[in-house]
Amino acid sequence: QGRDKSGPAEEMFARAISLKSSDADAHFYRGYNLSALERYEEAADEFRQALKLNPEMQKAKGQLEVAGKFASEAAIKEADEMMGRGEYKTAELKFRKALLLDPSSPEAKKGAKEASEALTKDTAERIARVRAALGKAEFAKARDEAKELARLNPGPDSEAVNREVREETAQAVKELMAQADEAEGREALSEAIFVCEKAVLLDPSNGAHTEMLRRLRGKIAEESARAKDALKDGKLAAAKKSYEKLVRYDSGDADAKAGLASVNARIEQETAKAIARAHESIASGDIEKAVAQINRALEYSPQDADALALRRKIAQKASEVAAPAAVVDEQEVRRVYLQGVEHYTKGELAEAIASWREVLKLDPKNEKASSNIARAEDKLKEASGKGVK
């Protein structure tokens, strides 16, 4: 200390205090050297401790007053800088500390009052901005404003506003996730993803929302891969189904729309080819082959009107080919036919006609019965002037 080595001297007096904390002189001289180092607040603390141990130490009283004024001035300077940064809460605390260091400082008194008023005003304005953002559903902005309020002006008001933001944000996220679930139910996955992304932005810490977003994106990617693989393998019906899903997932997906258009064009071509080949097979009498070809056409286009009509035609052809010829009972045909002849001979025209119609049921190709019916009907008309039903 005698050589003006205040730094080492302060350290040595601090060591002395650690060895004997009740030594008033050690506290005084440490404070004296701290003042020389312009560490006025610490110096004032040491002078107070010295006076506590020795209330009659006048030199400590004088040094405390000087150190207090210097420390107060330094605190006021820091508080003014805090006011400039809008840190009114810490500025107020610093002004009050300056006032404790120098109770007579008018600057400290004035600063503490101004800081308190600025804090009250700033808190009210920030709370208003938070609530305005909440009113517009600008939850991210509200959250940022509330956090800044808590940083600058901590206290019950900021805690209440932050709690309000958390509660309203949680409700908004709940509503968004309900919308995402509803959109997924409609297979509008792009819409669900958009809504889910908004929910994640509002509450990034919620793992459920992040997992849903990952699942939705994965679902689209998987369907897109299936569509491309099916198209590559020539499985046009499967490719069409996948591309139709992708368009439902995102009606604005240009790639999905282009893929669906391409598949539909190929299906139309393949359907036309299969129908043409089926016609050729029918013409050549190869019904079995025609069936296979028309089934292929309908595999491509299940609702194609031409293909459906041709399938009915092929089915009819197949039934005609497959139906066995009815066995004609020649004896019974002869008996009924002669019965008709007998009725005709007796002039019983209606009964004759009935018999010969029965013959046609037994033998549809019986030409004699057909011609006899015609002749008998003509004769019956002449006799009665009425048609025969």
Foldseek 3Di string as FASTA:
>chain_A
DVVLPLVVLLVVLVVVCVVPVLDLVSLQSNLVSCVVVVVLVSSLVSLVSSCVSPVPPVVSVVSLQVSLQSQLVVLQVVLVVCVVVVLLVVSLVSLVSNCVSPVVDPSSVVSNVVSVVSLVVVLVVLLVVLVVCVVVVVLVVSQVSLVVCCVRPNDDSSVVSNVVSVVSLVVQLVVLQVVLVVCVVQLQLVSSLVSLVVSCVSPVPDPVSVVVNVVSVVVLVVLVVQLVVCVVVVVLLSNLVSLVSNCSNPVPPPVSVVSNVVSLVVLVVLLVVLQVVLVVCVVVVNLVSSLVSLVVSCSSPVPDPSSVVVNVVSVVSVCVVPDDDDDAPVVVLVVLQVVLVVCVVVVVLVSSLVSLVVSCVRPVPPVVSVVSNVVSQVVVCVVPVDGDD
